[in-house]
Amino acid sequence: MQDVAFRTENIQFRKEKYYSPSQKRTYLATLPTGYSGQFGPGIRAWVLALYYADGMSEPKILDFLRTVGLSISAGQISDLLIKDQEPFHAESAAVVQAGLASSPWHHLDSTGTRVNGKNEQCHILCNPLYTAYRTLPAKDRMTLLRVLLGGADPVFEMNDLALELLPKLGVKEKWCHLLPTLLSHGHTYTESHLDDVLDRHLPIYGSTLRKSVKEALAIATYQRQTAYPVVKLLLCDDAPQFNWLTVQLALCWVHEYRHYKKLTPRFLAHCDLFKRFAEEFWTLYRNLLAYRDHPSSAEADALRTAFDDLFGQTTGYQQLDERLARTRAKKDALLMVLDHPEILLHNNPAELGARQRVRKRDVSLQARTREGIGAWDTFQTLVGTANKLGVNVYQYFHDRIAHTNQLPSLAALIQQRATTLHLAASWAGTT
């Protein structure tokens, strides 16, 4: 028979005091490890778990704790959730770095988040071993690059890869020839230093040119550096800001079909064409799923042919044919699974991570300070990762707050599981 007891526990500590006549000072013993302020590690761990893992609001947590007899205020609960969380921030940063190093492929998605009345974007980066949250003001390419760098500011370097990226990002040929004469090849620039150079030599040109130049130099530097784990393949939707961030890009088939769901055929002939196409679309999807379990070069060639047949047809339904042409242009990204059968065909892991932020937004509406949104990101990262690794969230919080350190760090668990699952080795075997 199971039962549970919630009760308060008031502890009186008798601290030894010693006066040293020779030094003319008094020494007072410290509290046991994990105890500080008015509340012990049990309360502090429960508040974090109820708020970040179980989705309770601050007023409901206050009601619950007062029901069991605890004397606590709304402000004190807010402080327990946000203040003095540097050890957890450090663990969250370690989780992101270990997660990025655990495999060369990752999922990425974004969802809106309000911070002190302003609309910002929460970016969700994940793979089977971790989920990381990072809230930033925008969701452009430079912002996503910061997410891949664990929140660090990018640096800029003119190198061979940057010269390849400049025309792909829309920089005209004359600027592609001029920029290498303005920027030292192989020299690393901070953003302010780069702005100084561009202000001197490109003072009259608009923000679009400067933005593209910065993106090319920052992406080239990111992909060539070795100090931080580099994402080789990104699985995401077809938003343009994801292009060129990584060496390879895989697109979500579920997102792709959402474009077709927006079609509104009105004639019976068009309805029949669309219905037949939908059946063939999901048949191809199921065949790709089966390929992941038993990959072979012959089956890969057959699936490429099936893709060409499906999206290369002309149906006579103009809206559908235009949509087919757009999908056909994404062939390499949609069929990336044929080269890397270890990846998924959809972006559901990041979508599920985004759903947790949406639920947090439903309960709390917004964070009112940068410190508050930083706590949201940190603890949602820790909770999402702990759930994937099978770690009890409350026990983990209590272990860290009480400084018993009996549980291994989440970053260490990620490294162990990555070795067991051979996530990086599977990539190497198919490259």
Protein backbone atom coordinates (compact mmCIF):
# COMPACT_ATOMS: atom_id res chain seq x y z
CA MET A 1 0.00 0.00 0.00
CA GLN A 2 1.50 3.33 -1.10
CA ASP A 3 1.04 6.62 0.71
CA VAL A 4 2.60 10.07 0.74
CA ALA A 5 3.11 12.63 3.51
CA PHE A 6 3.64 16.35 2.96
CA ARG A 7 4.60 18.21 6.11
CA THR A 8 6.83 21.00 7.24
CA GLU A 9 10.02 20.39 9.18
CA ASN A 10 11.43 23.21 11.27
CA ILE A 11 15.10 22.67 12.13
CA GLN A 12 17.00 24.52 14.83
CA PHE A 13 20.74 24.57 14.26
CA ARG A 14 23.06 25.12 17.23
CA LYS A 15 26.26 26.50 15.75
CA GLU A 16 29.42 26.30 17.79
CA LYS A 17 31.07 29.63 18.54
CA TYR A 18 34.71 30.14 19.52
CA TYR A 19 36.53 33.30 20.57
CA SER A 20 40.27 33.55 19.93
CA PRO A 21 41.94 35.87 22.49
CA SER A 22 45.16 35.94 20.54
CA GLN A 23 43.46 37.02 17.30
CA LYS A 24 40.70 38.97 19.08
CA ARG A 25 38.00 37.60 16.81
CA THR A 26 35.05 35.23 17.03
CA TYR A 27 34.63 32.13 14.87
CA LEU A 28 31.14 30.75 14.16
CA ALA A 29 30.55 27.30 12.68
CA THR A 30 28.88 27.12 9.29
CA LEU A 31 25.56 25.43 8.54
CA PRO A 32 25.54 21.91 7.08
CA THR A 33 26.16 21.71 3.35
CA GLY A 34 23.10 22.67 1.33
CA TYR A 35 21.45 24.84 3.99
CA SER A 36 21.30 28.60 3.54
CA GLY A 37 18.74 31.34 3.98
CA GLN A 38 15.31 30.47 5.37
CA PHE A 39 14.59 27.30 3.41
CA GLY A 40 16.25 23.91 3.25
CA PRO A 41 17.13 21.93 0.12
CA GLY A 42 13.86 19.98 0.19
CA ILE A 43 11.69 23.07 -0.24
CA ARG A 44 14.02 24.60 -2.80
CA ALA A 45 14.08 21.40 -4.87
CA TRP A 46 10.30 20.99 -4.72
CA VAL A 47 9.69 24.57 -5.84
CA LEU A 48 11.96 24.09 -8.86
CA ALA A 49 10.42 20.73 -9.74
CA LEU A 50 6.81 21.89 -9.39
CA TYR A 51 7.40 25.02 -11.46
CA TYR A 52 9.73 23.85 -14.22
CA ALA A 53 8.98 20.12 -14.47
CA ASP A 54 5.30 19.94 -13.50
CA GLY A 55 4.06 23.22 -14.97
CA MET A 56 2.53 24.73 -11.82
CA SER A 57 2.20 28.49 -11.55
CA GLU A 58 3.75 30.47 -8.72
CA PRO A 59 0.35 31.21 -7.07
CA LYS A 60 -0.54 27.49 -7.09
CA ILE A 61 2.83 26.54 -5.61
CA LEU A 62 2.26 29.18 -2.92
CA ASP A 63 -1.19 27.73 -2.13
CA PHE A 64 0.20 24.20 -1.99
CA LEU A 65 3.06 25.05 0.36
CA ARG A 66 0.84 27.09 2.66
CA THR A 67 -1.66 24.22 2.77
CA VAL A 68 0.98 21.98 4.37
CA GLY A 69 1.85 24.72 6.87
CA LEU A 70 4.90 26.41 5.35
CA SER A 71 5.39 30.12 6.03
CA ILE A 72 6.50 31.57 2.69
CA SER A 73 5.64 34.57 0.51
CA ALA A 74 5.10 34.96 -3.23
CA GLY A 75 8.30 37.00 -3.48
CA GLN A 76 10.32 34.30 -1.74
CA ILE A 77 9.03 31.69 -4.22
CA SER A 78 10.03 33.96 -7.10
CA ASP A 79 13.52 34.32 -5.63
CA LEU A 80 13.85 30.54 -5.22
CA LEU A 81 13.02 30.13 -8.91
CA ILE A 82 15.37 32.79 -10.26
CA LYS A 83 17.99 34.08 -7.85
CA ASP A 84 21.44 32.59 -7.21
CA GLN A 85 21.19 29.82 -9.80
CA GLU A 86 24.74 30.07 -11.15
CA PRO A 87 25.56 26.36 -10.51
CA PHE A 88 22.52 25.33 -12.54
CA HIS A 89 23.39 27.80 -15.31
CA ALA A 90 26.84 26.21 -15.47
CA GLU A 91 25.32 22.69 -15.64
CA SER A 92 22.99 23.82 -18.41
CA ALA A 93 25.91 25.18 -20.44
CA ALA A 94 27.75 21.87 -19.94
CA VAL A 95 24.66 19.98 -21.11
CA VAL A 96 24.53 22.00 -24.33
CA GLN A 97 28.21 21.43 -25.07
CA ALA A 98 28.02 17.71 -24.30
CA GLY A 99 24.83 17.42 -26.33
CA LEU A 100 26.38 19.10 -29.35
CA ALA A 101 29.40 16.82 -29.09
CA SER A 102 27.28 13.68 -28.78
CA SER A 103 26.33 13.52 -32.47
CA PRO A 104 26.98 15.48 -35.69
CA TRP A 105 23.23 15.92 -36.39
CA HIS A 106 20.68 17.90 -34.40
CA HIS A 107 17.12 19.20 -34.57
CA LEU A 108 16.31 22.92 -34.36
CA ASP A 109 13.02 24.79 -34.08
CA SER A 110 11.74 28.10 -32.66
CA THR A 111 8.64 29.37 -30.92
CA GLY A 112 7.58 32.78 -29.66
CA THR A 113 8.25 33.93 -26.08
CA ARG A 114 7.42 37.26 -24.47
CA VAL A 115 9.99 38.93 -22.26
CA ASN A 116 8.82 41.99 -20.33
CA GLY A 117 6.10 42.69 -22.91
CA LYS A 118 8.32 42.23 -25.98
CA ASN A 119 8.10 39.38 -28.45
CA GLU A 120 11.24 37.24 -28.60
CA GLN A 121 12.04 33.75 -29.88
CA CYS A 122 12.85 30.60 -27.92
CA HIS A 123 15.09 28.28 -29.94
CA ILE A 124 15.01 24.54 -29.20
CA LEU A 125 18.11 22.52 -30.08
CA CYS A 126 18.07 18.78 -29.44
CA ASN A 127 18.96 15.21 -30.34
CA PRO A 128 17.97 11.90 -28.66
CA LEU A 129 20.08 12.69 -25.58
CA TYR A 130 19.34 16.32 -24.70
CA THR A 131 17.04 19.29 -25.26
CA ALA A 132 18.39 22.84 -24.95
CA TYR A 133 16.46 26.12 -24.81
CA ARG A 134 17.82 29.55 -25.70
CA THR A 135 15.67 32.69 -25.83
CA LEU A 136 16.95 35.55 -27.98
CA PRO A 137 15.36 38.66 -29.52
CA ALA A 138 15.20 37.33 -33.10
CA LYS A 139 15.34 34.19 -35.24
CA ASP A 140 17.55 35.33 -38.10
CA ARG A 141 20.63 33.44 -39.29
CA MET A 142 23.06 35.20 -36.92
CA THR A 143 20.77 34.43 -33.97
CA LEU A 144 20.63 30.75 -34.90
CA LEU A 145 24.40 30.73 -35.14
CA ARG A 146 24.56 32.00 -31.55
CA VAL A 147 22.30 29.10 -30.56
CA LEU A 148 24.68 26.61 -32.19
CA LEU A 149 27.54 28.28 -30.30
CA GLY A 150 25.84 27.76 -26.95
CA GLY A 151 24.88 31.44 -26.68
CA ALA A 152 28.35 32.84 -27.38
CA ASP A 153 28.81 35.79 -29.71
CA PRO A 154 30.18 34.72 -33.11
CA VAL A 155 33.51 35.92 -34.42
CA PHE A 156 34.34 36.68 -38.04
CA GLU A 157 37.10 35.54 -40.34
CA MET A 158 37.77 35.94 -44.06
CA ASN A 159 38.75 32.50 -45.32
CA ASP A 160 38.16 30.25 -48.33
CA LEU A 161 34.79 29.06 -47.07
CA ALA A 162 33.65 32.66 -46.57
CA LEU A 163 34.50 33.40 -50.20
CA GLU A 164 32.30 30.47 -51.23
CA LEU A 165 29.42 31.58 -49.03
CA LEU A 166 29.35 35.26 -50.04
CA PRO A 167 27.67 34.75 -53.47
CA LYS A 168 25.32 32.09 -52.02
CA LEU A 169 24.10 34.65 -49.50
CA GLY A 170 23.39 37.19 -52.23
CA VAL A 171 26.56 39.32 -52.17
CA LYS A 172 27.27 40.70 -55.63
CA GLU A 173 30.42 39.74 -57.51
CA LYS A 174 32.14 43.11 -57.19
CA TRP A 175 31.87 43.01 -53.39
CA CYS A 176 33.10 39.41 -53.38
CA HIS A 177 36.27 40.66 -55.10
CA LEU A 178 36.60 43.78 -52.95
CA LEU A 179 36.12 42.27 -49.48
CA PRO A 180 39.30 40.12 -49.51
CA THR A 181 41.30 43.30 -50.07
CA LEU A 182 39.67 44.97 -47.03
CA LEU A 183 39.86 42.06 -44.59
CA SER A 184 43.02 40.16 -43.76
CA HIS A 185 42.77 36.52 -44.79
CA GLY A 186 42.68 34.27 -41.72
CA HIS A 187 42.46 37.16 -39.24
CA THR A 188 39.70 36.90 -36.61
CA TYR A 189 37.51 39.95 -36.03
CA THR A 190 35.03 40.72 -33.27
CA GLU A 191 31.74 42.22 -34.40
CA SER A 192 32.69 45.73 -33.28
CA HIS A 193 36.07 45.48 -35.03
CA LEU A 194 34.41 44.22 -38.22
CA ASP A 195 31.86 47.06 -38.06
CA ASP A 196 34.71 49.57 -37.86
CA VAL A 197 36.27 48.15 -41.03
CA LEU A 198 32.95 48.09 -42.89
CA ASP A 199 32.11 51.63 -41.72
CA ARG A 200 35.33 52.88 -43.27
CA HIS A 201 35.00 51.10 -46.59
CA LEU A 202 31.27 50.47 -47.10
CA PRO A 203 29.70 53.53 -45.47
CA ILE A 204 26.93 54.25 -47.98
CA TYR A 205 25.55 50.77 -48.56
CA GLY A 206 22.47 49.38 -46.90
CA SER A 207 22.07 46.94 -44.06
CA THR A 208 21.33 43.98 -46.35
CA LEU A 209 24.85 43.89 -47.79
CA ARG A 210 26.44 44.22 -44.36
CA LYS A 211 24.16 41.53 -42.93
CA SER A 212 25.08 39.07 -45.69
CA VAL A 213 28.80 39.78 -45.29
CA LYS A 214 28.63 39.21 -41.55
CA GLU A 215 26.69 35.98 -41.98
CA ALA A 216 29.16 34.57 -44.49
CA LEU A 217 32.20 35.39 -42.34
CA ALA A 218 30.58 34.17 -39.12
CA ILE A 219 29.36 30.87 -40.60
CA ALA A 220 32.75 30.23 -42.21
CA THR A 221 34.49 30.84 -38.89
CA TYR A 222 32.03 28.62 -37.01
CA GLN A 223 32.40 25.69 -39.41
CA ARG A 224 36.21 25.88 -39.40
CA GLN A 225 36.78 26.34 -35.63
CA THR A 226 37.57 23.39 -33.36
CA ALA A 227 37.14 24.91 -29.89
CA TYR A 228 33.38 24.16 -29.72
CA PRO A 229 31.39 21.22 -31.18
CA VAL A 230 30.28 21.92 -34.75
CA VAL A 231 26.91 20.72 -36.05
CA LYS A 232 27.43 18.98 -39.37
CA LEU A 233 23.78 18.36 -40.24
CA LEU A 234 20.71 20.27 -39.14
CA LEU A 235 17.20 18.79 -39.31
CA CYS A 236 14.61 21.56 -39.43
CA ASP A 237 11.82 23.09 -41.49
CA ASP A 238 12.36 24.99 -44.73
CA ALA A 239 12.64 28.50 -43.26
CA PRO A 240 15.36 30.36 -45.21
CA GLN A 241 17.39 31.34 -42.14
CA PHE A 242 18.47 27.70 -41.70
CA ASN A 243 20.22 27.63 -45.07
CA TRP A 244 24.05 27.47 -45.11
CA LEU A 245 24.39 27.29 -41.32
CA THR A 246 25.70 23.74 -41.52
CA VAL A 247 27.44 21.66 -44.15
CA GLN A 248 24.29 19.61 -44.73
CA LEU A 249 20.58 20.27 -44.21
CA ALA A 250 17.73 17.80 -43.81
CA LEU A 251 14.13 18.94 -44.11
CA CYS A 252 11.08 17.70 -42.23
CA TRP A 253 8.56 15.79 -44.36
CA VAL A 254 5.70 16.67 -42.02
CA HIS A 255 6.41 20.38 -42.48
CA GLU A 256 6.61 19.88 -46.23
CA TYR A 257 3.17 18.32 -46.37
CA ARG A 258 1.72 21.28 -44.46
CA HIS A 259 2.30 23.36 -47.59
CA TYR A 260 0.04 20.99 -49.53
CA LYS A 261 -2.66 21.11 -46.87
CA LYS A 262 -3.04 24.81 -47.64
CA LEU A 263 -4.26 23.98 -51.17
CA THR A 264 -8.01 24.37 -51.61
CA PRO A 265 -9.16 22.36 -54.67
CA ARG A 266 -12.73 23.25 -55.64
CA PHE A 267 -13.37 21.04 -58.66
CA LEU A 268 -13.94 17.32 -58.27
CA ALA A 269 -11.14 16.53 -60.74
CA HIS A 270 -8.69 18.60 -58.68
CA CYS A 271 -9.94 16.99 -55.47
CA ASP A 272 -9.29 13.55 -56.94
CA LEU A 273 -5.82 14.58 -58.08
CA PHE A 274 -4.96 15.92 -54.66
CA LYS A 275 -6.32 12.84 -52.91
CA ARG A 276 -4.26 10.55 -55.16
CA PHE A 277 -1.15 12.69 -54.59
CA ALA A 278 -1.62 12.59 -50.79
CA GLU A 279 -1.78 8.79 -50.85
CA GLU A 280 1.38 8.60 -52.95
CA PHE A 281 3.13 11.15 -50.70
CA TRP A 282 2.57 9.11 -47.55
CA THR A 283 3.41 5.87 -49.35
CA LEU A 284 6.81 7.33 -50.24
CA TYR A 285 7.18 8.52 -46.64
CA ARG A 286 6.51 5.03 -45.30
CA ASN A 287 8.99 3.55 -47.75
CA LEU A 288 11.63 5.99 -46.50
CA LEU A 289 10.86 4.94 -42.93
CA ALA A 290 11.37 1.31 -43.91
CA TYR A 291 14.65 2.22 -45.60
CA ARG A 292 16.04 3.52 -42.29
CA ASP A 293 15.80 0.01 -40.84
CA HIS A 294 17.35 -1.75 -43.84
CA PRO A 295 19.40 0.74 -45.91
CA SER A 296 20.93 -0.35 -49.22
CA SER A 297 22.26 1.45 -52.29
CA ALA A 298 19.75 -0.29 -54.57
CA GLU A 299 16.80 0.78 -52.40
CA ALA A 300 18.21 4.32 -52.18
CA ASP A 301 18.30 4.58 -55.97
CA ALA A 302 14.74 3.26 -56.19
CA LEU A 303 13.53 5.85 -53.67
CA ARG A 304 15.25 8.67 -55.54
CA THR A 305 13.46 7.55 -58.70
CA ALA A 306 10.15 7.39 -56.83
CA PHE A 307 10.74 10.94 -55.57
CA ASP A 308 11.37 12.19 -59.11
CA ASP A 309 8.26 10.41 -60.41
CA LEU A 310 6.03 11.83 -57.67
CA PHE A 311 7.23 15.43 -57.61
CA GLY A 312 8.21 15.64 -61.28
CA GLN A 313 4.74 14.93 -62.62
CA THR A 314 2.42 17.46 -64.25
CA THR A 315 -1.15 17.01 -63.08
CA GLY A 316 -2.88 19.94 -64.78
CA TYR A 317 -3.92 21.32 -61.38
CA GLN A 318 -1.87 24.52 -61.45
CA GLN A 319 -1.58 25.14 -57.70
CA LEU A 320 -0.52 21.56 -57.10
CA ASP A 321 2.00 21.61 -59.95
CA GLU A 322 3.59 24.81 -58.60
CA ARG A 323 3.86 23.25 -55.17
CA LEU A 324 5.39 20.07 -56.65
CA ALA A 325 8.08 22.15 -58.36
CA ARG A 326 8.99 23.81 -55.06
CA THR A 327 9.29 20.45 -53.34
CA ARG A 328 11.36 19.06 -56.21
CA ALA A 329 13.90 21.87 -55.65
CA LYS A 330 14.42 20.57 -52.09
CA LYS A 331 15.21 17.02 -53.18
CA ASP A 332 18.65 16.75 -51.62
CA ALA A 333 17.49 17.99 -48.22
CA LEU A 334 14.33 15.87 -48.18
CA LEU A 335 16.25 12.73 -49.18
CA MET A 336 19.17 13.28 -46.78
CA VAL A 337 17.99 10.18 -44.92
CA LEU A 338 19.24 8.06 -47.84
CA ASP A 339 22.81 9.08 -47.02
CA HIS A 340 22.26 9.18 -43.25
CA PRO A 341 19.61 6.63 -42.26
CA GLU A 342 20.25 7.36 -38.57
CA ILE A 343 18.38 10.69 -38.78
CA LEU A 344 14.61 11.11 -38.61
CA LEU A 345 12.28 12.15 -41.41
CA HIS A 346 10.58 14.74 -39.25
CA ASN A 347 11.41 17.46 -36.75
CA ASN A 348 9.09 16.19 -34.01
CA PRO A 349 11.75 16.13 -31.23
CA ALA A 350 12.25 19.89 -31.55
CA GLU A 351 8.48 20.41 -31.97
CA LEU A 352 7.85 18.52 -28.73
CA GLY A 353 10.48 20.65 -27.02
CA ALA A 354 8.78 23.78 -28.34
CA ARG A 355 5.47 22.51 -26.97
CA GLN A 356 6.95 22.57 -23.45
CA ARG A 357 7.78 26.26 -23.87
CA VAL A 358 4.27 26.89 -25.21
CA ARG A 359 2.79 25.22 -22.12
CA LYS A 360 5.09 27.32 -19.92
CA ARG A 361 3.87 30.39 -21.80
CA ASP A 362 0.23 29.36 -21.24
CA VAL A 363 0.80 29.10 -17.49
CA SER A 364 3.10 32.08 -16.87
CA LEU A 365 2.46 34.27 -19.95
CA GLN A 366 5.93 35.80 -19.93
CA ALA A 367 9.17 36.36 -18.09
CA ARG A 368 9.57 39.90 -16.84
CA THR A 369 13.38 40.13 -16.65
CA ARG A 370 16.45 38.82 -18.49
CA GLU A 371 17.33 36.96 -15.31
CA GLY A 372 13.90 35.34 -15.36
CA ILE A 373 14.06 34.21 -18.98
CA GLY A 374 17.57 32.92 -18.34
CA ALA A 375 16.15 30.75 -15.55
CA TRP A 376 13.39 29.50 -17.87
CA ASP A 377 16.01 28.46 -20.44
CA THR A 378 18.34 26.85 -17.90
CA PHE A 379 15.78 24.79 -16.04
CA GLN A 380 13.80 23.75 -19.11
CA THR A 381 17.11 22.55 -20.57
CA LEU A 382 17.89 20.57 -17.42
CA VAL A 383 14.37 19.14 -17.10
CA GLY A 384 14.08 18.19 -20.78
CA THR A 385 17.50 16.53 -20.74
CA ALA A 386 16.89 14.74 -17.43
CA ASN A 387 13.65 13.28 -18.79
CA LYS A 388 15.45 11.96 -21.88
CA LEU A 389 18.17 10.41 -19.72
CA GLY A 390 15.71 8.87 -17.23
CA VAL A 391 16.89 11.01 -14.30
CA ASN A 392 14.42 11.87 -11.53
CA VAL A 393 14.14 15.66 -11.71
CA TYR A 394 13.36 16.25 -8.04
CA GLN A 395 16.19 13.98 -6.88
CA TYR A 396 18.56 15.73 -9.27
CA PHE A 397 17.61 19.19 -7.99
CA HIS A 398 17.85 18.08 -4.35
CA ASP A 399 21.24 16.44 -4.95
CA ARG A 400 22.66 19.63 -6.42
CA ILE A 401 21.13 22.01 -3.86
CA ALA A 402 22.21 19.84 -0.92
CA HIS A 403 25.68 19.45 -2.47
CA THR A 404 25.65 15.68 -1.91
CA ASN A 405 26.69 15.18 -5.57
CA GLN A 406 25.72 11.52 -5.55
CA LEU A 407 24.13 11.80 -9.00
CA PRO A 408 26.44 12.18 -12.01
CA SER A 409 26.18 15.35 -14.06
CA LEU A 410 23.80 15.32 -16.99
CA ALA A 411 26.70 16.21 -19.27
CA ALA A 412 28.59 13.10 -18.14
CA LEU A 413 25.51 10.95 -18.73
CA ILE A 414 25.18 12.36 -22.24
CA GLN A 415 28.77 11.44 -23.00
CA GLN A 416 28.24 7.90 -21.68
CA ARG A 417 25.00 7.36 -23.61
CA ALA A 418 26.52 8.77 -26.80
CA THR A 419 29.29 6.19 -26.59
CA THR A 420 26.77 3.42 -25.94
CA LEU A 421 24.45 4.44 -28.77
CA HIS A 422 27.35 5.14 -31.17
CA LEU A 423 25.62 8.26 -32.49
CA ALA A 424 28.83 9.68 -33.93
CA ALA A 425 30.04 6.28 -35.16
CA SER A 426 26.86 5.70 -37.14
CA TRP A 427 27.47 8.98 -38.95
CA ALA A 428 31.06 8.05 -39.75
CA GLY A 429 29.92 4.74 -41.19
CA THR A 430 27.57 6.39 -43.66
CA THR A 431 29.67 9.37 -44.70
